[in-house]
C-alpha atoms as a PDB file:
ATOM      1  CA  MET A   1     -54.506 -18.393 -55.340  1.00  0.00           C
ATOM      2  CA  THR A   2     -54.487 -16.772 -51.991  1.00  0.00           C
ATOM      3  CA  ALA A   3     -56.309 -13.513 -51.607  1.00  0.00           C
ATOM      4  CA  VAL A   4     -54.088 -10.630 -50.748  1.00  0.00           C
ATOM      5  CA  THR A   5     -55.627  -8.502 -48.026  1.00  0.00           C
ATOM      6  CA  GLU A   6     -54.702  -4.907 -48.152  1.00  0.00           C
ATOM      7  CA  LYS A   7     -53.929  -3.268 -44.835  1.00  0.00           C
ATOM      8  CA  PRO A   8     -55.864  -0.087 -44.194  1.00  0.00           C
ATOM      9  CA  ILE A   9     -53.771   2.991 -44.441  1.00  0.00           C
ATOM     10  CA  PRO A  10     -53.723   4.687 -41.025  1.00  0.00           C
ATOM     11  CA  VAL A  11     -55.195   8.129 -41.091  1.00  0.00           C
ATOM     12  CA  GLU A  12     -53.311  10.640 -39.041  1.00  0.00           C
ATOM     13  CA  ARG A  13     -55.411  12.718 -36.721  1.00  0.00           C
ATOM     14  CA  ALA A  14     -55.192  16.395 -37.100  1.00  0.00           C
ATOM     15  CA  ARG A  15     -52.965  17.828 -34.458  1.00  0.00           C
ATOM     16  CA  PRO A  16     -53.905  21.087 -32.857  1.00  0.00           C
ATOM     17  CA  VAL A  17     -51.872  23.976 -34.106  1.00  0.00           C
ATOM     18  CA  PRO A  18     -49.620  25.277 -31.320  1.00  0.00           C
ATOM     19  CA  GLY A  19     -50.769  28.637 -29.992  1.00  0.00           C
ATOM     20  CA  ARG A  20     -54.333  28.261 -31.219  1.00  0.00           C
ATOM     21  CA  ARG A  21     -56.914  28.308 -28.442  1.00  0.00           C
ATOM     22  CA  ARG A  22     -60.449  27.149 -28.431  1.00  0.00           C
ATOM     23  CA  ARG A  23     -62.818  30.062 -28.865  1.00  0.00           C
ATOM     24  CA  ARG A  24     -64.959  30.701 -25.830  1.00  0.00           C
ATOM     25  CA  ASN A  25     -68.656  31.273 -26.117  1.00  0.00           C
ATOM     26  CA  PRO A  26     -69.225  35.074 -25.988  1.00  0.00           C
ATOM     27  CA  TRP A  27     -72.206  34.598 -23.678  1.00  0.00           C
ATOM     28  CA  THR A  28     -70.051  32.638 -21.274  1.00  0.00           C
ATOM     29  CA  THR A  29     -67.419  35.382 -21.341  1.00  0.00           C
ATOM     30  CA  ALA A  30     -70.028  38.079 -20.728  1.00  0.00           C
ATOM     31  CA  LEU A  31     -71.514  36.116 -17.823  1.00  0.00           C
ATOM     32  CA  LEU A  32     -68.064  35.592 -16.314  1.00  0.00           C
ATOM     33  CA  TYR A  33     -67.216  39.302 -16.505  1.00  0.00           C
ATOM     34  CA  ALA A  34     -70.601  40.210 -15.036  1.00  0.00           C
ATOM     35  CA  LEU A  35     -70.027  37.832 -12.127  1.00  0.00           C
ATOM     36  CA  LEU A  36     -66.543  39.256 -11.521  1.00  0.00           C
ATOM     37  CA  ALA A  37     -67.952  42.802 -11.598  1.00  0.00           C
ATOM     38  CA  VAL A  38     -70.524  41.897  -8.951  1.00  0.00           C
ATOM     39  CA  VAL A  39     -67.863  40.263  -6.765  1.00  0.00           C
ATOM     40  CA  VAL A  40     -65.684  43.383  -7.015  1.00  0.00           C
ATOM     41  CA  LEU A  41     -68.485  45.914  -6.521  1.00  0.00           C
ATOM     42  CA  ILE A  42     -69.941  44.310  -3.384  1.00  0.00           C
ATOM     43  CA  PRO A  43     -66.908  45.032  -1.150  1.00  0.00           C
ATOM     44  CA  LEU A  44     -66.261  48.398  -2.846  1.00  0.00           C
ATOM     45  CA  PHE A  45     -69.808  49.693  -2.408  1.00  0.00           C
ATOM     46  CA  PRO A  46     -69.442  50.646   1.317  1.00  0.00           C
ATOM     47  CA  LEU A  47     -66.302  52.617   0.477  1.00  0.00           C
ATOM     48  CA  TYR A  48     -68.088  54.371  -2.388  1.00  0.00           C
ATOM     49  CA  TRP A  49     -71.030  55.220  -0.145  1.00  0.00           C
ATOM     50  CA  LEU A  50     -68.656  56.544   2.523  1.00  0.00           C
ATOM     51  CA  VAL A  51     -66.948  58.850   0.024  1.00  0.00           C
ATOM     52  CA  ILE A  52     -70.092  60.330  -1.500  1.00  0.00           C
ATOM     53  CA  SER A  53     -71.794  60.728   1.892  1.00  0.00           C
ATOM     54  CA  ALA A  54     -68.836  62.699   3.237  1.00  0.00           C
ATOM     55  CA  PHE A  55     -69.473  65.383   0.574  1.00  0.00           C
ATOM     56  CA  LYS A  56     -73.256  65.625   0.859  1.00  0.00           C
ATOM     57  CA  THR A  57     -75.175  68.407   2.544  1.00  0.00           C
ATOM     58  CA  PRO A  58     -77.325  67.440   5.559  1.00  0.00           C
ATOM     59  CA  ALA A  59     -80.527  67.920   3.512  1.00  0.00           C
ATOM     60  CA  GLU A  60     -79.296  65.706   0.682  1.00  0.00           C
ATOM     61  CA  PHE A  61     -78.010  63.107   3.124  1.00  0.00           C
ATOM     62  CA  ALA A  62     -81.483  62.800   4.667  1.00  0.00           C
ATOM     63  CA  GLN A  63     -83.182  62.621   1.283  1.00  0.00           C
ATOM     64  CA  ILE A  64     -85.280  59.513   0.505  1.00  0.00           C
ATOM     65  CA  PRO A  65     -84.671  57.838  -1.882  1.00  0.00           C
ATOM     66  CA  PRO A  66     -80.947  58.533  -1.508  1.00  0.00           C
ATOM     67  CA  THR A  67     -78.915  60.117  -4.261  1.00  0.00           C
ATOM     68  CA  TRP A  68     -76.049  58.150  -5.791  1.00  0.00           C
ATOM     69  CA  PHE A  69     -73.843  61.178  -6.317  1.00  0.00           C
ATOM     70  CA  PRO A  70     -73.707  64.529  -4.460  1.00  0.00           C
ATOM     71  CA  ALA A  71     -75.762  67.126  -6.285  1.00  0.00           C
ATOM     72  CA  SER A  72     -73.727  69.955  -4.770  1.00  0.00           C
ATOM     73  CA  PRO A  73     -70.541  68.545  -3.203  1.00  0.00           C
ATOM     74  CA  THR A  74     -69.315  70.376  -0.119  1.00  0.00           C
ATOM     75  CA  ILE A  75     -66.337  70.057   2.220  1.00  0.00           C
ATOM     76  CA  ASP A  76     -68.240  71.451   5.207  1.00  0.00           C
ATOM     77  CA  PRO A  77     -68.594  67.995   6.857  1.00  0.00           C
ATOM     78  CA  THR A  78     -64.837  67.505   6.624  1.00  0.00           C
ATOM     79  CA  VAL A  79     -64.116  70.940   8.080  1.00  0.00           C
ATOM     80  CA  THR A  80     -66.553  70.280  10.926  1.00  0.00           C
ATOM     81  CA  ALA A  81     -64.971  66.914  11.701  1.00  0.00           C
ATOM     82  CA  LEU A  82     -61.508  68.493  11.823  1.00  0.00           C
ATOM     83  CA  THR A  83     -62.566  71.377  14.066  1.00  0.00           C
ATOM     84  CA  GLU A  84     -65.043  69.795  16.474  1.00  0.00           C
ATOM     85  CA  VAL A  85     -62.496  67.267  17.793  1.00  0.00           C
ATOM     86  CA  PRO A  86     -58.646  67.217  17.730  1.00  0.00           C
ATOM     87  CA  PHE A  87     -58.591  65.019  14.646  1.00  0.00           C
ATOM     88  CA  LEU A  88     -55.115  65.911  13.367  1.00  0.00           C
ATOM     89  CA  GLN A  89     -53.536  65.297  16.788  1.00  0.00           C
ATOM     90  CA  SER A  90     -55.316  61.955  16.958  1.00  0.00           C
ATOM     91  CA  MET A  91     -54.025  61.051  13.501  1.00  0.00           C
ATOM     92  CA  MET A  92     -50.491  61.784  14.669  1.00  0.00           C
ATOM     93  CA  ASN A  93     -51.045  59.655  17.775  1.00  0.00           C
ATOM     94  CA  SER A  94     -52.233  56.767  15.618  1.00  0.00           C
ATOM     95  CA  ILE A  95     -49.214  57.115  13.326  1.00  0.00           C
ATOM     96  CA  ILE A  96     -46.869  56.981  16.332  1.00  0.00           C
ATOM     97  CA  ILE A  97     -48.626  53.993  17.898  1.00  0.00           C
ATOM     98  CA  ALA A  98     -49.182  52.002  14.693  1.00  0.00           C
ATOM     99  CA  GLY A  99     -45.751  52.835  13.300  1.00  0.00           C
ATOM    100  CA  GLY A 100     -43.981  51.908  16.547  1.00  0.00           C
ATOM    101  CA  CYS A 101     -45.839  48.609  16.852  1.00  0.00           C
ATOM    102  CA  THR A 102     -45.195  47.743  13.211  1.00  0.00           C
ATOM    103  CA  ILE A 103     -41.451  48.391  13.377  1.00  0.00           C
ATOM    104  CA  SER A 104     -41.117  46.471  16.648  1.00  0.00           C
ATOM    105  CA  VAL A 105     -43.081  43.494  15.323  1.00  0.00           C
ATOM    106  CA  LEU A 106     -40.957  43.357  12.177  1.00  0.00           C
ATOM    107  CA  VAL A 107     -37.702  43.366  14.151  1.00  0.00           C
ATOM    108  CA  THR A 108     -38.784  40.816  16.762  1.00  0.00           C
ATOM    109  CA  SER A 109     -40.457  38.564  14.193  1.00  0.00           C
ATOM    110  CA  ILE A 110     -37.444  38.478  11.871  1.00  0.00           C
ATOM    111  CA  PHE A 111     -34.945  37.647  14.618  1.00  0.00           C
ATOM    112  CA  ALA A 112     -37.219  35.185  16.424  1.00  0.00           C
ATOM    113  CA  GLY A 113     -38.179  33.534  13.131  1.00  0.00           C
ATOM    114  CA  TYR A 114     -34.498  33.240  12.200  1.00  0.00           C
ATOM    115  CA  VAL A 115     -33.656  31.580  15.510  1.00  0.00           C
ATOM    116  CA  PHE A 116     -36.543  29.115  15.263  1.00  0.00           C
ATOM    117  CA  ALA A 117     -35.751  28.291  11.633  1.00  0.00           C
ATOM    118  CA  LYS A 118     -31.943  28.057  11.562  1.00  0.00           C
ATOM    119  CA  HIS A 119     -30.796  27.335  15.120  1.00  0.00           C
ATOM    120  CA  HIS A 120     -31.130  23.991  16.863  1.00  0.00           C
ATOM    121  CA  PHE A 121     -31.446  23.864  20.628  1.00  0.00           C
ATOM    122  CA  ARG A 122     -33.250  21.766  23.196  1.00  0.00           C
ATOM    123  CA  GLY A 123     -36.927  22.592  23.492  1.00  0.00           C
ATOM    124  CA  ARG A 124     -36.995  24.655  20.295  1.00  0.00           C
ATOM    125  CA  ASP A 125     -40.108  23.062  18.823  1.00  0.00           C
ATOM    126  CA  LEU A 126     -41.951  23.117  22.159  1.00  0.00           C
ATOM    127  CA  LEU A 127     -41.173  26.807  22.598  1.00  0.00           C
ATOM    128  CA  PHE A 128     -42.172  27.616  19.033  1.00  0.00           C
ATOM    129  CA  TRP A 129     -45.523  25.872  19.212  1.00  0.00           C
ATOM    130  CA  SER A 130     -46.170  27.458  22.602  1.00  0.00           C
ATOM    131  CA  VAL A 131     -45.746  30.856  20.928  1.00  0.00           C
ATOM    132  CA  VAL A 132     -48.053  29.817  18.094  1.00  0.00           C
ATOM    133  CA  ALA A 133     -50.658  28.627  20.612  1.00  0.00           C
ATOM    134  CA  THR A 134     -51.019  32.187  21.921  1.00  0.00           C
ATOM    135  CA  MET A 135     -52.595  33.123  18.566  1.00  0.00           C
ATOM    136  CA  PHE A 136     -55.713  31.221  19.607  1.00  0.00           C
ATOM    137  CA  LEU A 137     -56.301  33.187  22.806  1.00  0.00           C
ATOM    138  CA  PRO A 138     -59.198  35.666  22.399  1.00  0.00           C
ATOM    139  CA  PRO A 139     -57.972  39.232  23.044  1.00  0.00           C
ATOM    140  CA  ILE A 140     -60.733  39.796  25.600  1.00  0.00           C
ATOM    141  CA  VAL A 141     -59.244  37.014  27.768  1.00  0.00           C
ATOM    142  CA  THR A 142     -55.874  38.772  28.063  1.00  0.00           C
ATOM    143  CA  LEU A 143     -57.299  42.282  28.473  1.00  0.00           C
ATOM    144  CA  VAL A 144     -57.523  42.324  32.286  1.00  0.00           C
ATOM    145  CA  PRO A 145     -54.101  40.683  32.942  1.00  0.00           C
ATOM    146  CA  LEU A 146     -52.455  43.055  30.475  1.00  0.00           C
ATOM    147  CA  TYR A 147     -54.169  46.046  32.079  1.00  0.00           C
ATOM    148  CA  TYR A 148     -52.909  45.139  35.563  1.00  0.00           C
ATOM    149  CA  LEU A 149     -49.423  44.400  34.220  1.00  0.00           C
ATOM    150  CA  VAL A 150     -49.088  47.703  32.360  1.00  0.00           C
ATOM    151  CA  SER A 151     -50.635  49.668  35.233  1.00  0.00           C
ATOM    152  CA  SER A 152     -48.257  48.091  37.772  1.00  0.00           C
ATOM    153  CA  MET A 153     -45.347  49.231  35.597  1.00  0.00           C
ATOM    154  CA  GLY A 154     -46.597  52.815  35.729  1.00  0.00           C
ATOM    155  CA  LEU A 155     -47.229  52.964  31.985  1.00  0.00           C
ATOM    156  CA  SER A 156     -50.914  53.838  32.046  1.00  0.00           C
ATOM    157  CA  ASP A 157     -51.856  56.782  29.858  1.00  0.00           C
ATOM    158  CA  THR A 158     -48.610  56.669  27.857  1.00  0.00           C
ATOM    159  CA  TYR A 159     -47.647  55.792  24.298  1.00  0.00           C
ATOM    160  CA  LEU A 160     -45.474  52.936  25.551  1.00  0.00           C
ATOM    161  CA  GLY A 161     -48.358  51.560  27.593  1.00  0.00           C
ATOM    162  CA  VAL A 162     -50.525  51.400  24.481  1.00  0.00           C
ATOM    163  CA  MET A 163     -47.806  49.757  22.409  1.00  0.00           C
ATOM    164  CA  LEU A 164     -46.258  47.394  24.974  1.00  0.00           C
ATOM    165  CA  PRO A 165     -48.593  44.358  24.495  1.00  0.00           C
ATOM    166  CA  TRP A 166     -48.179  44.561  20.711  1.00  0.00           C
ATOM    167  CA  LEU A 167     -44.403  44.941  20.386  1.00  0.00           C
ATOM    168  CA  ALA A 168     -44.148  41.254  19.424  1.00  0.00           C
ATOM    169  CA  ASN A 169     -46.621  39.119  17.526  1.00  0.00           C
ATOM    170  CA  ALA A 170     -46.994  35.337  17.347  1.00  0.00           C
ATOM    171  CA  PHE A 171     -48.330  35.414  13.795  1.00  0.00           C
ATOM    172  CA  GLY A 172     -45.345  37.484  12.671  1.00  0.00           C
ATOM    173  CA  ILE A 173     -42.904  35.016  14.232  1.00  0.00           C
ATOM    174  CA  PHE A 174     -44.710  32.109  12.576  1.00  0.00           C
ATOM    175  CA  LEU A 175     -44.770  33.841   9.170  1.00  0.00           C
ATOM    176  CA  MET A 176     -41.088  34.770   9.226  1.00  0.00           C
ATOM    177  CA  ARG A 177     -40.057  31.330  10.418  1.00  0.00           C
ATOM    178  CA  GLN A 178     -41.873  29.696   7.499  1.00  0.00           C
ATOM    179  CA  PHE A 179     -40.184  31.970   4.958  1.00  0.00           C
ATOM    180  CA  ILE A 180     -36.722  31.724   6.520  1.00  0.00           C
ATOM    181  CA  MET A 181     -36.885  27.908   6.524  1.00  0.00           C
ATOM    182  CA  ASP A 182     -36.794  28.035   2.704  1.00  0.00           C
ATOM    183  CA  ILE A 183     -33.507  29.957   2.690  1.00  0.00           C
ATOM    184  CA  PRO A 184     -30.673  27.468   1.931  1.00  0.00           C
ATOM    185  CA  ASP A 185     -28.537  26.581   4.922  1.00  0.00           C
ATOM    186  CA  GLU A 186     -25.492  26.666   2.640  1.00  0.00           C
ATOM    187  CA  LEU A 187     -25.927  30.432   2.175  1.00  0.00           C
ATOM    188  CA  ILE A 188     -25.854  31.037   5.920  1.00  0.00           C
ATOM    189  CA  GLU A 189     -22.955  28.654   6.467  1.00  0.00           C
ATOM    190  CA  ALA A 190     -20.964  30.408   3.735  1.00  0.00           C
ATOM    191  CA  ALA A 191     -21.588  33.746   5.433  1.00  0.00           C
ATOM    192  CA  ARG A 192     -20.386  32.321   8.749  1.00  0.00           C
ATOM    193  CA  LEU A 193     -17.227  30.980   7.115  1.00  0.00           C
ATOM    194  CA  ASP A 194     -16.551  34.491   5.822  1.00  0.00           C
ATOM    195  CA  GLY A 195     -16.620  35.727   9.403  1.00  0.00           C
ATOM    196  CA  ALA A 196     -20.089  37.303   9.420  1.00  0.00           C
ATOM    197  CA  GLY A 197     -21.853  37.486  12.767  1.00  0.00           C
ATOM    198  CA  GLU A 198     -25.479  36.528  13.312  1.00  0.00           C
ATOM    199  CA  PHE A 199     -26.763  40.106  13.166  1.00  0.00           C
ATOM    200  CA  ARG A 200     -24.901  40.749   9.920  1.00  0.00           C
ATOM    201  CA  ILE A 201     -26.210  37.495   8.441  1.00  0.00           C
ATOM    202  CA  VAL A 202     -29.769  38.467   9.240  1.00  0.00           C
ATOM    203  CA  TRP A 203     -29.412  42.025   7.952  1.00  0.00           C
ATOM    204  CA  GLN A 204     -27.361  41.413   4.791  1.00  0.00           C
ATOM    205  CA  PHE A 205     -28.412  37.914   3.710  1.00  0.00           C
ATOM    206  CA  VAL A 206     -31.790  37.051   5.240  1.00  0.00           C
ATOM    207  CA  VAL A 207     -33.737  40.330   5.190  1.00  0.00           C
ATOM    208  CA  PRO A 208     -33.263  40.997   1.416  1.00  0.00           C
ATOM    209  CA  LEU A 209     -34.873  37.607   0.700  1.00  0.00           C
ATOM    210  CA  LEU A 210     -37.888  38.364   2.907  1.00  0.00           C
ATOM    211  CA  LYS A 211     -39.228  41.444   1.136  1.00  0.00           C
ATOM    212  CA  PRO A 212     -42.710  40.014   0.310  1.00  0.00           C
ATOM    213  CA  ALA A 213     -43.095  38.593   3.827  1.00  0.00           C
ATOM    214  CA  ILE A 214     -41.924  41.822   5.471  1.00  0.00           C
ATOM    215  CA  VAL A 215     -44.332  43.961   3.452  1.00  0.00           C
ATOM    216  CA  THR A 216     -47.211  41.555   4.126  1.00  0.00           C
ATOM    217  CA  LEU A 217     -46.583  41.540   7.873  1.00  0.00           C
ATOM    218  CA  ALA A 218     -46.090  45.318   7.943  1.00  0.00           C
ATOM    219  CA  VAL A 219     -49.436  45.944   6.247  1.00  0.00           C
ATOM    220  CA  PHE A 220     -51.278  43.525   8.529  1.00  0.00           C
ATOM    221  CA  MET A 221     -49.700  44.951  11.683  1.00  0.00           C
ATOM    222  CA  PHE A 222     -50.149  48.608  10.714  1.00  0.00           C
ATOM    223  CA  VAL A 223     -53.831  48.146   9.895  1.00  0.00           C
ATOM    224  CA  TYR A 224     -54.429  46.123  13.070  1.00  0.00           C
ATOM    225  CA  SER A 225     -52.699  48.700  15.272  1.00  0.00           C
ATOM    226  CA  TRP A 226     -54.487  51.564  13.521  1.00  0.00           C
ATOM    227  CA  ASN A 227     -57.908  49.981  14.097  1.00  0.00           C
ATOM    228  CA  ASN A 228     -57.244  48.741  17.636  1.00  0.00           C
ATOM    229  CA  PHE A 229     -59.999  50.209  19.804  1.00  0.00           C
ATOM    230  CA  LEU A 230     -60.526  48.270  23.035  1.00  0.00           C
ATOM    231  CA  TRP A 231     -56.986  48.353  24.422  1.00  0.00           C
ATOM    232  CA  PRO A 232     -56.356  52.114  23.941  1.00  0.00           C
ATOM    233  CA  LEU A 233     -59.793  52.786  25.416  1.00  0.00           C
ATOM    234  CA  SER A 234     -58.839  50.746  28.499  1.00  0.00           C
ATOM    235  CA  ILE A 235     -55.362  52.159  29.138  1.00  0.00           C
ATOM    236  CA  LEU A 236     -55.596  55.817  28.060  1.00  0.00           C
ATOM    237  CA  ARG A 237     -57.113  58.648  30.062  1.00  0.00           C
ATOM    238  CA  SER A 238     -55.906  61.812  28.327  1.00  0.00           C
ATOM    239  CA  ASP A 239     -57.726  63.002  25.229  1.00  0.00           C
ATOM    240  CA  ALA A 240     -54.421  64.334  23.924  1.00  0.00           C
ATOM    241  CA  LEU A 241     -53.124  60.748  23.574  1.00  0.00           C
ATOM    242  CA  TYR A 242     -56.227  59.290  21.958  1.00  0.00           C
ATOM    243  CA  PRO A 243     -55.678  57.511  18.624  1.00  0.00           C
ATOM    244  CA  VAL A 244     -57.982  58.365  15.782  1.00  0.00           C
ATOM    245  CA  VAL A 245     -60.406  55.496  16.419  1.00  0.00           C
ATOM    246  CA  LEU A 246     -61.186  56.860  19.889  1.00  0.00           C
ATOM    247  CA  THR A 247     -61.534  60.410  18.603  1.00  0.00           C
ATOM    248  CA  LEU A 248     -63.811  59.139  15.865  1.00  0.00           C
ATOM    249  CA  ASN A 249     -65.937  57.563  18.577  1.00  0.00           C
ATOM    250  CA  ARG A 250     -66.446  61.033  20.053  1.00  0.00           C
ATOM    251  CA  LEU A 251     -67.991  62.123  16.774  1.00  0.00           C
ATOM    252  CA  MET A 252     -70.618  59.408  17.174  1.00  0.00           C
ATOM    253  CA  SER A 253     -72.535  61.780  19.446  1.00  0.00           C
ATOM    254  CA  TYR A 254     -73.535  63.622  16.273  1.00  0.00           C
ATOM    255  CA  THR A 255     -75.436  60.619  14.904  1.00  0.00           C
ATOM    256  CA  MET A 256     -78.576  61.555  16.848  1.00  0.00           C
ATOM    257  CA  SER A 257     -79.563  63.791  13.959  1.00  0.00           C
ATOM    258  CA  PHE A 258     -79.260  63.564  10.179  1.00  0.00           C
ATOM    259  CA  GLU A 259     -77.764  67.023  10.355  1.00  0.00           C
ATOM    260  CA  TYR A 260     -74.451  65.604  11.578  1.00  0.00           C
ATOM    261  CA  GLN A 261     -74.278  62.058  10.214  1.00  0.00           C
ATOM    262  CA  ASN A 262     -72.341  63.269   7.200  1.00  0.00           C
ATOM    263  CA  VAL A 263     -69.802  64.736   9.659  1.00  0.00           C
ATOM    264  CA  VAL A 264     -69.266  61.311  11.204  1.00  0.00           C
ATOM    265  CA  LEU A 265     -68.818  59.746   7.778  1.00  0.00           C
ATOM    266  CA  ALA A 266     -66.379  62.489   6.807  1.00  0.00           C
ATOM    267  CA  GLY A 267     -64.360  61.689   9.920  1.00  0.00           C
ATOM    268  CA  ALA A 268     -64.466  57.991   9.089  1.00  0.00           C
ATOM    269  CA  LEU A 269     -63.184  58.753   5.588  1.00  0.00           C
ATOM    270  CA  ILE A 270     -60.285  60.801   6.951  1.00  0.00           C
ATOM    271  CA  ALA A 271     -59.440  58.056   9.444  1.00  0.00           C
ATOM    272  CA  SER A 272     -59.411  55.454   6.646  1.00  0.00           C
ATOM    273  CA  LEU A 273     -57.056  57.334   4.334  1.00  0.00           C
ATOM    274  CA  PRO A 274     -53.704  56.263   5.892  1.00  0.00           C
ATOM    275  CA  THR A 275     -54.530  52.547   5.747  1.00  0.00           C
ATOM    276  CA  LEU A 276     -55.782  52.888   2.166  1.00  0.00           C
ATOM    277  CA  ILE A 277     -52.608  54.722   1.170  1.00  0.00           C
ATOM    278  CA  VAL A 278     -50.428  52.052   2.806  1.00  0.00           C
ATOM    279  CA  PHE A 279     -52.221  49.303   0.894  1.00  0.00           C
ATOM    280  CA  ILE A 280     -52.121  51.155  -2.444  1.00  0.00           C
ATOM    281  CA  VAL A 281     -48.381  51.819  -2.113  1.00  0.00           C
ATOM    282  CA  THR A 282     -47.535  48.238  -1.121  1.00  0.00           C
ATOM    283  CA  GLN A 283     -50.253  46.276  -2.914  1.00  0.00           C
ATOM    284  CA  ARG A 284     -48.003  44.702  -5.562  1.00  0.00           C
ATOM    285  CA  VAL A 285     -45.496  43.283  -3.070  1.00  0.00           C
ATOM    286  CA  PHE A 286     -48.327  42.558  -0.609  1.00  0.00           C
ATOM    287  CA  VAL A 287     -50.097  40.330  -3.132  1.00  0.00           C
ATOM    288  CA  GLN A 288     -46.815  38.521  -3.853  1.00  0.00           C
ATOM    289  CA  GLY A 289     -46.358  37.855  -0.146  1.00  0.00           C
ATOM    290  CA  ILE A 290     -49.906  36.543   0.248  1.00  0.00           C
ATOM    291  CA  ALA A 291     -49.487  34.299  -2.801  1.00  0.00           C
ATOM    292  CA  ALA A 292     -46.159  32.967  -1.538  1.00  0.00           C
ATOM    293  CA  SER A 293     -47.529  32.246   1.924  1.00  0.00           C
ATOM    294  CA  GLY A 294     -50.512  30.489   0.343  1.00  0.00           C
ATOM    295  CA  ILE A 295     -48.255  28.268  -1.748  1.00  0.00           C
ATOM    296  CA  LYS A 296     -46.290  27.327   1.370  1.00  0.00           C
ATOM    297  CA  GLY A 297     -49.539  26.171   2.958  1.00  0.00           C
END
């Protein structure tokens, strides 16, 4: 008789239940949240210190060890900063300069990016990469040539003279070109077949698809123009045209004594408010634009 060998019955492995996740160690979770809190608090701490210092009295500001919250908050430093120098006029000057540069950069970047992305002509790539190459020039290198150029045009000590070198931006052209390249050519060709001109195509078909890129570029350009210090200092002579960064520099004369350092910080807080408001209002779309540009590489 031949022995009959029984085959082992295969045992099915337990399959993980869909939707059930592996429980994380609570200590690991706590450590992760603590690390994230430290990463968030480090960049926020200077802003926090700026805010509380702007509401401290001179005696409390000079106190050692420093206090972490104003014992008796006061708006006297803010009032002093607004009255000692023409702060409100300087804020308006900065809004005009930064707003004008931002709008001009958006317009020139969208149209130039559209041409580089969707039009084919001889020397296109060479011209595009020549524009991109200007991004690597240090601003200090172009300061003197720009000064002589603007001065020879008779635009010294004017709003236009401050804005002229920044009415177009190589980074903006590069950013818009990368986004517009992803727009299907069939959409543009269909618009042309319907009789739409190039300006109408850009305004009605291209611009609505560039919202994250437009917001991202607008935030970058507004903040850069608002904080630009060296060029306005070189080209402006009249205090009435000074942007807020130059007026804030005039408050630095008060830093010789603790009695007025809170005034300087109050002025710095006021000068920072417009850029903070712009970021808070646009932060959701801004983050989308940054994420999209990062994915594009």
